[in-house]
Amino acid sequence: GRQILYILGGILVLAILGGIIYSWQMRQAGEAQAALGKAIEINEAQ
């Protein structure tokens, strides 16, 4: 039982970490897109 709990706990930790990384990547993508858009706005300014 203890060994199984360790395995299941490890899987749960990996799932949580995966979710955190995915969320971070999505947030980074949003920030990068916004920053690129702002730079393009300057590039096309009057």
Full PDB file with SEQRES, HELIX, SHEET, SSBOND, CRYST1, ORIGX, SCALE, CONECT and MASTER records, all heavy atoms in Angstrom:
SEQRES   1 A   46  GLY ARG GLN ILE LEU TYR ILE LEU GLY GLY ILE LEU VAL          
SEQRES   2 A   46  LEU ALA ILE LEU GLY GLY ILE ILE TYR SER TRP GLN MET          
SEQRES   3 A   46  ARG GLN ALA GLY GLU ALA GLN ALA ALA LEU GLY LYS ALA          
SEQRES   4 A   46  ILE GLU ILE ASN GLU ALA GLN                                  
HELIX    1 AA1 ARG A    2  ASN A   43  1                                  42    
CRYST1    1.000    1.000    1.000  90.00  90.00  90.00 P 1           1          
ORIGX1      1.000000  0.000000  0.000000        0.00000                         
ORIGX2      0.000000  1.000000  0.000000        0.00000                         
ORIGX3      0.000000  0.000000  1.000000        0.00000                         
SCALE1      1.000000  0.000000  0.000000        0.00000                         
SCALE2      0.000000  1.000000  0.000000        0.00000                         
SCALE3      0.000000  0.000000  1.000000        0.00000                         
ATOM      1  N   GLY A   1       0.805  -1.217   0.000  1.00  0.00           N  
ATOM      2  CA  GLY A   1       0.000   0.000   0.000  1.00  0.00           C  
ATOM      3  C   GLY A   1       0.831   1.256   0.000  1.00  0.00           C  
ATOM      4  O   GLY A   1       0.553   2.217  -0.735  1.00  0.00           O  
ATOM      5  N   ARG A   2       1.915   1.305   0.805  1.00  0.00           N  
ATOM      6  CA  ARG A   2       2.746   2.499   0.892  1.00  0.00           C  
ATOM      7  C   ARG A   2       3.424   2.804  -0.442  1.00  0.00           C  
ATOM      8  O   ARG A   2       3.483   3.940  -0.898  1.00  0.00           O  
ATOM      9  CB  ARG A   2       3.799   2.307   1.994  1.00  0.00           C  
ATOM     10  CG  ARG A   2       4.603   3.588   2.284  1.00  0.00           C  
ATOM     11  CD  ARG A   2       5.606   3.304   3.375  1.00  0.00           C  
ATOM     12  NE  ARG A   2       4.938   2.970   4.625  1.00  0.00           N  
ATOM     13  CZ  ARG A   2       4.522   3.875   5.499  1.00  0.00           C  
ATOM     14  NH1 ARG A   2       4.692   5.154   5.265  1.00  0.00           N  
ATOM     15  NH2 ARG A   2       3.949   3.495   6.628  1.00  0.00           N  
ATOM     16  N   GLN A   3       3.896   1.727  -1.085  1.00  0.00           N  
ATOM     17  CA  GLN A   3       4.567   1.905  -2.377  1.00  0.00           C  
ATOM     18  C   GLN A   3       3.598   2.456  -3.427  1.00  0.00           C  
ATOM     19  O   GLN A   3       3.948   3.337  -4.217  1.00  0.00           O  
ATOM     20  CB  GLN A   3       5.138   0.565  -2.846  1.00  0.00           C  
ATOM     21  CG  GLN A   3       5.922   0.668  -4.154  1.00  0.00           C  
ATOM     22  CD  GLN A   3       6.493  -0.680  -4.562  1.00  0.00           C  
ATOM     23  OE1 GLN A   3       6.402  -1.650  -3.819  1.00  0.00           O  
ATOM     24  NE2 GLN A   3       7.062  -0.733  -5.755  1.00  0.00           N  
ATOM     25  N   ILE A   4       2.364   1.937  -3.415  1.00  0.00           N  
ATOM     26  CA  ILE A   4       1.340   2.404  -4.366  1.00  0.00           C  
ATOM     27  C   ILE A   4       1.026   3.865  -4.124  1.00  0.00           C  
ATOM     28  O   ILE A   4       0.890   4.663  -5.057  1.00  0.00           O  
ATOM     29  CB  ILE A   4       0.058   1.554  -4.243  1.00  0.00           C  
ATOM     30  CG1 ILE A   4       0.350   0.114  -4.689  1.00  0.00           C  
ATOM     31  CG2 ILE A   4      -1.067   2.141  -5.082  1.00  0.00           C  
ATOM     32  CD1 ILE A   4      -0.769  -0.844  -4.383  1.00  0.00           C  
ATOM     33  N   LEU A   5       0.927   4.246  -2.847  1.00  0.00           N  
ATOM     34  CA  LEU A   5       0.648   5.647  -2.527  1.00  0.00           C  
ATOM     35  C   LEU A   5       1.757   6.557  -3.045  1.00  0.00           C  
ATOM     36  O   LEU A   5       1.497   7.661  -3.534  1.00  0.00           O  
ATOM     37  CB  LEU A   5       0.489   5.814  -1.012  1.00  0.00           C  
ATOM     38  CG  LEU A   5      -0.808   5.258  -0.409  1.00  0.00           C  
ATOM     39  CD1 LEU A   5      -0.766   5.392   1.105  1.00  0.00           C  
ATOM     40  CD2 LEU A   5      -2.024   5.991  -0.978  1.00  0.00           C  
ATOM     41  N   TYR A   6       3.016   6.086  -2.916  1.00  0.00           N  
ATOM     42  CA  TYR A   6       4.126   6.879  -3.423  1.00  0.00           C  
ATOM     43  C   TYR A   6       4.000   7.081  -4.937  1.00  0.00           C  
ATOM     44  O   TYR A   6       4.226   8.168  -5.474  1.00  0.00           O  
ATOM     45  CB  TYR A   6       5.467   6.199  -3.106  1.00  0.00           C  
ATOM     46  CG  TYR A   6       5.880   6.301  -1.649  1.00  0.00           C  
ATOM     47  CD1 TYR A   6       6.701   5.339  -1.074  1.00  0.00           C  
ATOM     48  CD2 TYR A   6       5.439   7.363  -0.856  1.00  0.00           C  
ATOM     49  CE1 TYR A   6       7.077   5.415   0.249  1.00  0.00           C  
ATOM     50  CE2 TYR A   6       5.814   7.452   0.471  1.00  0.00           C  
ATOM     51  CZ  TYR A   6       6.637   6.481   1.026  1.00  0.00           C  
ATOM     52  OH  TYR A   6       7.004   6.562   2.331  1.00  0.00           O  
ATOM     53  N   ILE A   7       3.654   5.980  -5.636  1.00  0.00           N  
ATOM     54  CA  ILE A   7       3.520   6.050  -7.098  1.00  0.00           C  
ATOM     55  C   ILE A   7       2.406   7.006  -7.494  1.00  0.00           C  
ATOM     56  O   ILE A   7       2.576   7.880  -8.345  1.00  0.00           O  
ATOM     57  CB  ILE A   7       3.259   4.649  -7.686  1.00  0.00           C  
ATOM     58  CG1 ILE A   7       4.492   3.754  -7.472  1.00  0.00           C  
ATOM     59  CG2 ILE A   7       2.906   4.730  -9.170  1.00  0.00           C  
ATOM     60  CD1 ILE A   7       4.264   2.307  -7.815  1.00  0.00           C  
ATOM     61  N   LEU A   8       1.238   6.811  -6.823  1.00  0.00           N  
ATOM     62  CA  LEU A   8       0.104   7.684  -7.138  1.00  0.00           C  
ATOM     63  C   LEU A   8       0.418   9.138  -6.797  1.00  0.00           C  
ATOM     64  O   LEU A   8       0.025  10.059  -7.503  1.00  0.00           O  
ATOM     65  CB  LEU A   8      -1.139   7.218  -6.381  1.00  0.00           C  
ATOM     66  CG  LEU A   8      -1.720   5.861  -6.815  1.00  0.00           C  
ATOM     67  CD1 LEU A   8      -2.883   5.478  -5.910  1.00  0.00           C  
ATOM     68  CD2 LEU A   8      -2.169   5.907  -8.263  1.00  0.00           C  
ATOM     69  N   GLY A   9       1.122   9.341  -5.683  1.00  0.00           N  
ATOM     70  CA  GLY A   9       1.502  10.692  -5.296  1.00  0.00           C  
ATOM     71  C   GLY A   9       2.420  11.325  -6.324  1.00  0.00           C  
ATOM     72  O   GLY A   9       2.294  12.510  -6.655  1.00  0.00           O  
ATOM     73  N   GLY A  10       3.360  10.522  -6.857  1.00  0.00           N  
ATOM     74  CA  GLY A  10       4.269  11.027  -7.883  1.00  0.00           C  
ATOM     75  C   GLY A  10       3.528  11.428  -9.140  1.00  0.00           C  
ATOM     76  O   GLY A  10       3.820  12.460  -9.753  1.00  0.00           O  
ATOM     77  N   ILE A  11       2.553  10.590  -9.543  1.00  0.00           N  
ATOM     78  CA  ILE A  11       1.747  10.906 -10.728  1.00  0.00           C  
ATOM     79  C   ILE A  11       0.968  12.195 -10.524  1.00  0.00           C  
ATOM     80  O   ILE A  11       0.876  13.035 -11.406  1.00  0.00           O  
ATOM     81  CB  ILE A  11       0.789   9.735 -11.051  1.00  0.00           C  
ATOM     82  CG1 ILE A  11       1.593   8.501 -11.474  1.00  0.00           C  
ATOM     83  CG2 ILE A  11      -0.212  10.124 -12.139  1.00  0.00           C  
ATOM     84  CD1 ILE A  11       0.757   7.245 -11.614  1.00  0.00           C  
ATOM     85  N   LEU A  12       0.424  12.357  -9.319  1.00  0.00           N  
ATOM     86  CA  LEU A  12      -0.346  13.564  -9.012  1.00  0.00           C  
ATOM     87  C   LEU A  12       0.546  14.802  -9.066  1.00  0.00           C  
ATOM     88  O   LEU A  12       0.150  15.841  -9.607  1.00  0.00           O  
ATOM     89  CB  LEU A  12      -0.981  13.427  -7.628  1.00  0.00           C  
ATOM     90  CG  LEU A  12      -1.858  14.598  -7.163  1.00  0.00           C  
ATOM     91  CD1 LEU A  12      -3.027  14.796  -8.118  1.00  0.00           C  
ATOM     92  CD2 LEU A  12      -2.363  14.352  -5.751  1.00  0.00           C  
ATOM     93  N   VAL A  13       1.750  14.690  -8.528  1.00  0.00           N  
ATOM     94  CA  VAL A  13       2.686  15.820  -8.547  1.00  0.00           C  
ATOM     95  C   VAL A  13       3.033  16.203  -9.981  1.00  0.00           C  
ATOM     96  O   VAL A  13       3.066  17.383 -10.345  1.00  0.00           O  
ATOM     97  CB  VAL A  13       3.967  15.477  -7.754  1.00  0.00           C  
ATOM     98  CG1 VAL A  13       5.048  16.537  -8.008  1.00  0.00           C  
ATOM     99  CG2 VAL A  13       3.659  15.402  -6.269  1.00  0.00           C  
ATOM    100  N   LEU A  14       3.289  15.180 -10.816  1.00  0.00           N  
ATOM    101  CA  LEU A  14       3.608  15.452 -12.219  1.00  0.00           C  
ATOM    102  C   LEU A  14       2.447  16.136 -12.918  1.00  0.00           C  
ATOM    103  O   LEU A  14       2.643  17.039 -13.727  1.00  0.00           O  
ATOM    104  CB  LEU A  14       3.955  14.139 -12.940  1.00  0.00           C  
ATOM    105  CG  LEU A  14       5.302  13.511 -12.578  1.00  0.00           C  
ATOM    106  CD1 LEU A  14       5.458  12.167 -13.283  1.00  0.00           C  
ATOM    107  CD2 LEU A  14       6.446  14.434 -12.984  1.00  0.00           C  
ATOM    108  N   ALA A  15       1.226  15.700 -12.618  1.00  0.00           N  
ATOM    109  CA  ALA A  15       0.038  16.308 -13.236  1.00  0.00           C  
ATOM    110  C   ALA A  15      -0.092  17.764 -12.820  1.00  0.00           C  
ATOM    111  O   ALA A  15      -0.393  18.640 -13.633  1.00  0.00           O  
ATOM    112  CB  ALA A  15      -1.207  15.524 -12.847  1.00  0.00           C  
ATOM    113  N   ILE A  16       0.150  18.037 -11.527  1.00  0.00           N  
ATOM    114  CA  ILE A  16       0.064  19.413 -11.034  1.00  0.00           C  
ATOM    115  C   ILE A  16       1.136  20.284 -11.681  1.00  0.00           C  
ATOM    116  O   ILE A  16       0.867  21.398 -12.136  1.00  0.00           O  
ATOM    117  CB  ILE A  16       0.192  19.444  -9.503  1.00  0.00           C  
ATOM    118  CG1 ILE A  16      -1.038  18.769  -8.864  1.00  0.00           C  
ATOM    119  CG2 ILE A  16       0.335  20.871  -8.995  1.00  0.00           C  
ATOM    120  CD1 ILE A  16      -0.913  18.569  -7.378  1.00  0.00           C  
ATOM    121  N   LEU A  17       2.370  19.745 -11.752  1.00  0.00           N  
ATOM    122  CA  LEU A  17       3.459  20.496 -12.365  1.00  0.00           C  
ATOM    123  C   LEU A  17       3.172  20.771 -13.841  1.00  0.00           C  
ATOM    124  O   LEU A  17       3.436  21.859 -14.350  1.00  0.00           O  
ATOM    125  CB  LEU A  17       4.781  19.725 -12.235  1.00  0.00           C  
ATOM    126  CG  LEU A  17       5.421  19.732 -10.846  1.00  0.00           C  
ATOM    127  CD1 LEU A  17       6.646  18.836 -10.836  1.00  0.00           C  
ATOM    128  CD2 LEU A  17       5.807  21.154 -10.452  1.00  0.00           C  
ATOM    129  N   GLY A  18       2.603  19.745 -14.522  1.00  0.00           N  
ATOM    130  CA  GLY A  18       2.253  19.912 -15.930  1.00  0.00           C  
ATOM    131  C   GLY A  18       1.238  21.026 -16.115  1.00  0.00           C  
ATOM    132  O   GLY A  18       1.343  21.843 -17.035  1.00  0.00           O  
ATOM    133  N   GLY A  19       0.261  21.069 -15.214  1.00  0.00           N  
ATOM    134  CA  GLY A  19      -0.752  22.125 -15.286  1.00  0.00           C  
ATOM    135  C   GLY A  19      -0.153  23.495 -15.053  1.00  0.00           C  
ATOM    136  O   GLY A  19      -0.507  24.464 -15.725  1.00  0.00           O  
ATOM    137  N   ILE A  20       0.772  23.580 -14.081  1.00  0.00           N  
ATOM    138  CA  ILE A  20       1.421  24.860 -13.780  1.00  0.00           C  
ATOM    139  C   ILE A  20       2.243  25.332 -14.983  1.00  0.00           C  
ATOM    140  O   ILE A  20       2.200  26.501 -15.373  1.00  0.00           O  
ATOM    141  CB  ILE A  20       2.318  24.743 -12.539  1.00  0.00           C  
ATOM    142  CG1 ILE A  20       1.443  24.516 -11.286  1.00  0.00           C  
ATOM    143  CG2 ILE A  20       3.190  25.982 -12.366  1.00  0.00           C  
ATOM    144  CD1 ILE A  20       2.230  24.185 -10.044  1.00  0.00           C  
ATOM    145  N   ILE A  21       3.010  24.402 -15.587  1.00  0.00           N  
ATOM    146  CA  ILE A  21       3.850  24.751 -16.746  1.00  0.00           C  
ATOM    147  C   ILE A  21       2.998  25.201 -17.915  1.00  0.00           C  
ATOM    148  O   ILE A  21       3.297  26.188 -18.588  1.00  0.00           O  
ATOM    149  CB  ILE A  21       4.738  23.551 -17.144  1.00  0.00           C  
ATOM    150  CG1 ILE A  21       5.778  23.287 -16.040  1.00  0.00           C  
ATOM    151  CG2 ILE A  21       5.419  23.804 -18.484  1.00  0.00           C  
ATOM    152  CD1 ILE A  21       6.550  22.003 -16.221  1.00  0.00           C  
ATOM    153  N   TYR A  22       1.901  24.474 -18.160  1.00  0.00           N  
ATOM    154  CA  TYR A  22       1.010  24.832 -19.273  1.00  0.00           C  
ATOM    155  C   TYR A  22       0.407  26.224 -19.045  1.00  0.00           C  
ATOM    156  O   TYR A  22       0.371  27.052 -19.956  1.00  0.00           O  
ATOM    157  CB  TYR A  22      -0.097  23.802 -19.400  1.00  0.00           C  
ATOM    158  CG  TYR A  22      -1.125  24.133 -20.464  1.00  0.00           C  
ATOM    159  CD1 TYR A  22      -0.834  23.943 -21.815  1.00  0.00           C  
ATOM    160  CD2 TYR A  22      -2.372  24.651 -20.112  1.00  0.00           C  
ATOM    161  CE1 TYR A  22      -1.768  24.254 -22.789  1.00  0.00           C  
ATOM    162  CE2 TYR A  22      -3.303  24.968 -21.083  1.00  0.00           C  
ATOM    163  CZ  TYR A  22      -3.005  24.761 -22.413  1.00  0.00           C  
ATOM    164  OH  TYR A  22      -3.924  25.074 -23.371  1.00  0.00           O  
ATOM    165  N   SER A  23      -0.021  26.460 -17.803  1.00  0.00           N  
ATOM    166  CA  SER A  23      -0.598  27.767 -17.473  1.00  0.00           C  
ATOM    167  C   SER A  23       0.427  28.867 -17.657  1.00  0.00           C  
ATOM    168  O   SER A  23       0.126  29.944 -18.189  1.00  0.00           O  
ATOM    169  CB  SER A  23      -1.106  27.751 -16.023  1.00  0.00           C  
ATOM    170  OG  SER A  23      -1.592  29.012 -15.649  1.00  0.00           O  
ATOM    171  N   TRP A  24       1.676  28.614 -17.247  1.00  0.00           N  
ATOM    172  CA  TRP A  24       2.752  29.594 -17.392  1.00  0.00           C  
ATOM    173  C   TRP A  24       3.041  29.868 -18.856  1.00  0.00           C  
ATOM    174  O   TRP A  24       3.216  31.021 -19.264  1.00  0.00           O  
ATOM    175  CB  TRP A  24       4.003  29.075 -16.694  1.00  0.00           C  
ATOM    176  CG  TRP A  24       5.186  29.998 -16.830  1.00  0.00           C  
ATOM    177  CD1 TRP A  24       5.435  31.128 -16.122  1.00  0.00           C  
ATOM    178  CD2 TRP A  24       6.271  29.859 -17.745  1.00  0.00           C  
ATOM    179  NE1 TRP A  24       6.602  31.701 -16.538  1.00  0.00           N  
ATOM    180  CE2 TRP A  24       7.150  30.953 -17.518  1.00  0.00           C  
ATOM    181  CE3 TRP A  24       6.590  28.905 -18.724  1.00  0.00           C  
ATOM    182  CZ2 TRP A  24       8.316  31.114 -18.259  1.00  0.00           C  
ATOM    183  CZ3 TRP A  24       7.750  29.078 -19.454  1.00  0.00           C  
ATOM    184  CH2 TRP A  24       8.604  30.158 -19.219  1.00  0.00           C  
ATOM    185  N   GLN A  25       3.072  28.794 -19.664  1.00  0.00           N  
ATOM    186  CA  GLN A  25       3.336  28.958 -21.096  1.00  0.00           C  
ATOM    187  C   GLN A  25       2.249  29.780 -21.768  1.00  0.00           C  
ATOM    188  O   GLN A  25       2.536  30.631 -22.611  1.00  0.00           O  
ATOM    189  CB  GLN A  25       3.452  27.583 -21.772  1.00  0.00           C  
ATOM    190  CG  GLN A  25       4.735  26.840 -21.426  1.00  0.00           C  
ATOM    191  CD  GLN A  25       4.759  25.441 -22.016  1.00  0.00           C  
ATOM    192  OE1 GLN A  25       3.721  24.822 -22.234  1.00  0.00           O  
ATOM    193  NE2 GLN A  25       5.951  24.944 -22.285  1.00  0.00           N  
ATOM    194  N   MET A  26       0.987  29.509 -21.396  1.00  0.00           N  
ATOM    195  CA  MET A  26      -0.116  30.260 -21.976  1.00  0.00           C  
ATOM    196  C   MET A  26      -0.038  31.734 -21.575  1.00  0.00           C  
ATOM    197  O   MET A  26      -0.293  32.632 -22.379  1.00  0.00           O  
ATOM    198  CB  MET A  26      -1.454  29.658 -21.534  1.00  0.00           C  
ATOM    199  CG  MET A  26      -1.731  28.266 -22.102  1.00  0.00           C  
ATOM    200  SD  MET A  26      -1.738  28.228 -23.907  1.00  0.00           S  
ATOM    201  CE  MET A  26      -3.232  29.154 -24.236  1.00  0.00           C  
ATOM    202  N   ARG A  27       0.329  31.970 -20.307  1.00  0.00           N  
ATOM    203  CA  ARG A  27       0.449  33.349 -19.835  1.00  0.00           C  
ATOM    204  C   ARG A  27       1.595  34.056 -20.549  1.00  0.00           C  
ATOM    205  O   ARG A  27       1.472  35.212 -20.963  1.00  0.00           O  
ATOM    206  CB  ARG A  27       0.675  33.354 -18.321  1.00  0.00           C  
ATOM    207  CG  ARG A  27       0.659  34.767 -17.726  1.00  0.00           C  
ATOM    208  CD  ARG A  27       0.603  34.734 -16.219  1.00  0.00           C  
ATOM    209  NE  ARG A  27       1.781  34.132 -15.627  1.00  0.00           N  
ATOM    210  CZ  ARG A  27       1.810  32.936 -15.047  1.00  0.00           C  
ATOM    211  NH1 ARG A  27       0.713  32.201 -14.984  1.00  0.00           N  
ATOM    212  NH2 ARG A  27       2.925  32.461 -14.525  1.00  0.00           N  
ATOM    213  N   GLN A  28       2.722  33.331 -20.718  1.00  0.00           N  
ATOM    214  CA  GLN A  28       3.866  33.891 -21.422  1.00  0.00           C  
ATOM    215  C   GLN A  28       3.522  34.205 -22.860  1.00  0.00           C  
ATOM    216  O   GLN A  28       3.920  35.234 -23.404  1.00  0.00           O  
ATOM    217  CB  GLN A  28       5.048  32.913 -21.371  1.00  0.00           C  
ATOM    218  CG  GLN A  28       5.746  32.830 -20.033  1.00  0.00           C  
ATOM    219  CD  GLN A  28       6.544  34.084 -19.738  1.00  0.00           C  
ATOM    220  OE1 GLN A  28       6.090  34.951 -19.008  1.00  0.00           O  
ATOM    221  NE2 GLN A  28       7.725  34.188 -20.299  1.00  0.00           N  
ATOM    222  N   ALA A  29       2.764  33.289 -23.501  1.00  0.00           N  
ATOM    223  CA  ALA A  29       2.357  33.499 -24.891  1.00  0.00           C  
ATOM    224  C   ALA A  29       1.494  34.743 -25.001  1.00  0.00           C  
ATOM    225  O   ALA A  29       1.646  35.536 -25.935  1.00  0.00           O  
ATOM    226  CB  ALA A  29       1.613  32.273 -25.413  1.00  0.00           C  
ATOM    227  N   GLY A  30       0.586  34.914 -24.036  1.00  0.00           N  
ATOM    228  CA  GLY A  30      -0.268  36.099 -24.033  1.00  0.00           C  
ATOM    229  C   GLY A  30       0.540  37.374 -23.867  1.00  0.00           C  
ATOM    230  O   GLY A  30       0.311  38.368 -24.560  1.00  0.00           O  
ATOM    231  N   GLU A  31       1.514  37.341 -22.957  1.00  0.00           N  
ATOM    232  CA  GLU A  31       2.359  38.505 -22.728  1.00  0.00           C  
ATOM    233  C   GLU A  31       3.211  38.811 -23.958  1.00  0.00           C  
ATOM    234  O   GLU A  31       3.369  39.974 -24.346  1.00  0.00           O  
ATOM    235  CB  GLU A  31       3.275  38.253 -21.522  1.00  0.00           C  
ATOM    236  CG  GLU A  31       2.539  38.211 -20.188  1.00  0.00           C  
ATOM    237  CD  GLU A  31       3.460  37.825 -19.040  1.00  0.00           C  
ATOM    238  OE1 GLU A  31       4.659  37.628 -19.297  1.00  0.00           O  
ATOM    239  OE2 GLU A  31       2.967  37.702 -17.904  1.00  0.00           O  
ATOM    240  N   ALA A  32       3.755  37.754 -24.566  1.00  0.00           N  
ATOM    241  CA  ALA A  32       4.602  37.931 -25.747  1.00  0.00           C  
ATOM    242  C   ALA A  32       3.801  38.506 -26.903  1.00  0.00           C  
ATOM    243  O   ALA A  32       4.270  39.411 -27.618  1.00  0.00           O  
ATOM    244  CB  ALA A  32       5.229  36.595 -26.147  1.00  0.00           C  
ATOM    245  N   GLN A  33       2.594  37.998 -27.087  1.00  0.00           N  
ATOM    246  CA  GLN A  33       1.734  38.483 -28.164  1.00  0.00           C  
ATOM    247  C   GLN A  33       1.390  39.959 -27.954  1.00  0.00           C  
ATOM    248  O   GLN A  33       1.395  40.752 -28.903  1.00  0.00           O  
ATOM    249  CB  GLN A  33       0.452  37.647 -28.236  1.00  0.00           C  
ATOM    250  CG  GLN A  33      -0.431  37.933 -29.440  1.00  0.00           C  
ATOM    251  CD  GLN A  33       0.229  37.564 -30.739  1.00  0.00           C  
ATOM    252  OE1 GLN A  33       0.761  36.474 -30.894  1.00  0.00           O  
ATOM    253  NE2 GLN A  33       0.216  38.469 -31.690  1.00  0.00           N  
ATOM    254  N   ALA A  34       1.101  40.311 -26.703  1.00  0.00           N  
ATOM    255  CA  ALA A  34       0.770  41.706 -26.392  1.00  0.00           C  
ATOM    256  C   ALA A  34       1.968  42.621 -26.619  1.00  0.00           C  
ATOM    257  O   ALA A  34       1.832  43.713 -27.184  1.00  0.00           O  
ATOM    258  CB  ALA A  34       0.289  41.814 -24.954  1.00  0.00           C  
ATOM    259  N   ALA A  35       3.143  42.163 -26.209  1.00  0.00           N  
ATOM    260  CA  ALA A  35       4.359  42.964 -26.386  1.00  0.00           C  
ATOM    261  C   ALA A  35       4.687  43.134 -27.867  1.00  0.00           C  
ATOM    262  O   ALA A  35       5.074  44.220 -28.310  1.00  0.00           O  
ATOM    263  CB  ALA A  35       5.530  42.300 -25.661  1.00  0.00           C  
ATOM    264  N   LEU A  36       4.517  42.048 -28.635  1.00  0.00           N  
ATOM    265  CA  LEU A  36       4.775  42.122 -30.073  1.00  0.00           C  
ATOM    266  C   LEU A  36       3.779  43.067 -30.747  1.00  0.00           C  
ATOM    267  O   LEU A  36       4.148  43.866 -31.614  1.00  0.00           O  
ATOM    268  CB  LEU A  36       4.688  40.731 -30.689  1.00  0.00           C  
ATOM    269  CG  LEU A  36       5.044  40.615 -32.177  1.00  0.00           C  
ATOM    270  CD1 LEU A  36       6.500  41.001 -32.410  1.00  0.00           C  
ATOM    271  CD2 LEU A  36       4.791  39.193 -32.679  1.00  0.00           C  
ATOM    272  N   GLY A  37       2.521  42.987 -30.315  1.00  0.00           N  
ATOM    273  CA  GLY A  37       1.498  43.858 -30.871  1.00  0.00           C  
ATOM    274  C   GLY A  37       1.793  45.333 -30.589  1.00  0.00           C  
ATOM    275  O   GLY A  37       1.597  46.193 -31.463  1.00  0.00           O  
ATOM    276  N   LYS A  38       2.278  45.613 -29.390  1.00  0.00           N  
ATOM    277  CA  LYS A  38       2.607  47.001 -29.026  1.00  0.00           C  
ATOM    278  C   LYS A  38       3.769  47.515 -29.869  1.00  0.00           C  
ATOM    279  O   LYS A  38       3.775  48.675 -30.317  1.00  0.00           O  
ATOM    280  CB  LYS A  38       2.965  47.069 -27.538  1.00  0.00           C  
ATOM    281  CG  LYS A  38       3.176  48.485 -27.022  1.00  0.00           C  
ATOM    282  CD  LYS A  38       3.415  48.485 -25.520  1.00  0.00           C  
ATOM    283  CE  LYS A  38       3.622  49.912 -25.004  1.00  0.00           C  
ATOM    284  NZ  LYS A  38       3.876  49.923 -23.542  1.00  0.00           N  
ATOM    285  N   ALA A  39       4.743  46.636 -30.114  1.00  0.00           N  
ATOM    286  CA  ALA A  39       5.893  47.033 -30.936  1.00  0.00           C  
ATOM    287  C   ALA A  39       5.460  47.283 -32.382  1.00  0.00           C  
ATOM    288  O   ALA A  39       5.935  48.223 -33.029  1.00  0.00           O  
ATOM    289  CB  ALA A  39       6.965  45.945 -30.882  1.00  0.00           C  
ATOM    290  N   ILE A  40       4.564  46.443 -32.890  1.00  0.00           N  
ATOM    291  CA  ILE A  40       4.052  46.631 -34.257  1.00  0.00           C  
ATOM    292  C   ILE A  40       3.268  47.930 -34.362  1.00  0.00           C  
ATOM    293  O   ILE A  40       3.306  48.623 -35.378  1.00  0.00           O  
ATOM    294  CB  ILE A  40       3.188  45.426 -34.676  1.00  0.00           C  
ATOM    295  CG1 ILE A  40       4.076  44.177 -34.848  1.00  0.00           C  
ATOM    296  CG2 ILE A  40       2.424  45.705 -35.967  1.00  0.00           C  
ATOM    297  CD1 ILE A  40       3.307  42.897 -35.105  1.00  0.00           C  
ATOM    298  N   GLU A  41       2.568  48.285 -33.291  1.00  0.00           N  
ATOM    299  CA  GLU A  41       1.825  49.548 -33.259  1.00  0.00           C  
ATOM    300  C   GLU A  41       2.775  50.727 -33.420  1.00  0.00           C  
ATOM    301  O   GLU A  41       2.477  51.696 -34.138  1.00  0.00           O  
ATOM    302  CB  GLU A  41       1.070  49.655 -31.935  1.00  0.00           C  
ATOM    303  CG  GLU A  41       0.083  50.805 -31.862  1.00  0.00           C  
ATOM    304  CD  GLU A  41      -0.698  50.802 -30.565  1.00  0.00           C  
ATOM    305  OE1 GLU A  41      -1.467  49.853 -30.334  1.00  0.00           O  
ATOM    306  OE2 GLU A  41      -0.528  51.749 -29.779  1.00  0.00           O  
ATOM    307  N   ILE A  42       3.937  50.645 -32.775  1.00  0.00           N  
ATOM    308  CA  ILE A  42       4.955  51.690 -32.931  1.00  0.00           C  
ATOM    309  C   ILE A  42       5.485  51.683 -34.360  1.00  0.00           C  
ATOM    310  O   ILE A  42       5.658  52.736 -34.986  1.00  0.00           O  
ATOM    311  CB  ILE A  42       6.110  51.475 -31.926  1.00  0.00           C  
ATOM    312  CG1 ILE A  42       5.598  51.650 -30.497  1.00  0.00           C  
ATOM    313  CG2 ILE A  42       7.272  52.417 -32.213  1.00  0.00           C  
ATOM    314  CD1 ILE A  42       6.604  51.255 -29.425  1.00  0.00           C  
ATOM    315  N   ASN A  43       5.714  50.485 -34.884  1.00  0.00           N  
ATOM    316  CA  ASN A  43       6.259  50.334 -36.240  1.00  0.00           C  
ATOM    317  C   ASN A  43       5.345  50.980 -37.290  1.00  0.00           C  
ATOM    318  O   ASN A  43       5.818  51.489 -38.307  1.00  0.00           O  
ATOM    319  CB  ASN A  43       6.428  48.845 -36.536  1.00  0.00           C  
ATOM    320  CG  ASN A  43       7.121  48.576 -37.850  1.00  0.00           C  
ATOM    321  OD1 ASN A  43       8.333  48.730 -37.964  1.00  0.00           O  
ATOM    322  ND2 ASN A  43       6.369  48.154 -38.852  1.00  0.00           N  
ATOM    323  N   GLU A  44       4.031  50.942 -37.040  1.00  0.00           N  
ATOM    324  CA  GLU A  44       3.062  51.460 -38.002  1.00  0.00           C  
ATOM    325  C   GLU A  44       2.516  52.833 -37.612  1.00  0.00           C  
ATOM    326  O   GLU A  44       1.553  53.319 -38.203  1.00  0.00           O  
ATOM    327  CB  GLU A  44       1.908  50.467 -38.137  1.00  0.00           C  
ATOM    328  CG  GLU A  44       2.348  49.113 -38.675  1.00  0.00           C  
ATOM    329  CD  GLU A  44       1.229  48.095 -38.706  1.00  0.00           C  
ATOM    330  OE1 GLU A  44       0.151  48.378 -38.138  1.00  0.00           O  
ATOM    331  OE2 GLU A  44       1.430  47.014 -39.288  1.00  0.00           O  
ATOM    332  N   ALA A  45       3.119  53.451 -36.610  1.00  0.00           N  
ATOM    333  CA  ALA A  45       2.634  54.740 -36.125  1.00  0.00           C  
ATOM    334  C   ALA A  45       2.782  55.836 -37.178  1.00  0.00           C  
ATOM    335  O   ALA A  45       3.610  55.750 -38.090  1.00  0.00           O  
ATOM    336  CB  ALA A  45       3.380  55.134 -34.855  1.00  0.00           C  
ATOM    337  N   GLN A  46       1.985  56.867 -37.016  1.00  0.00           N  
ATOM    338  CA  GLN A  46       2.007  57.995 -37.942  1.00  0.00           C  
ATOM    339  C   GLN A  46       3.266  58.839 -37.726  1.00  0.00           C  
ATOM    340  O   GLN A  46       3.755  58.989 -36.610  1.00  0.00           O  
ATOM    341  CB  GLN A  46       0.761  58.856 -37.713  1.00  0.00           C  
ATOM    342  CG  GLN A  46       0.644  60.051 -38.650  1.00  0.00           C  
ATOM    343  CD  GLN A  46      -0.574  60.912 -38.332  1.00  0.00           C  
ATOM    344  OE1 GLN A  46      -1.376  60.568 -37.474  1.00  0.00           O  
ATOM    345  NE2 GLN A  46      -0.707  62.037 -39.008  1.00  0.00           N  
TER     346      GLN A  46                                                      
MASTER        0    0    0    1    0    0    0    6  345    1    0    4          
END                                                                             
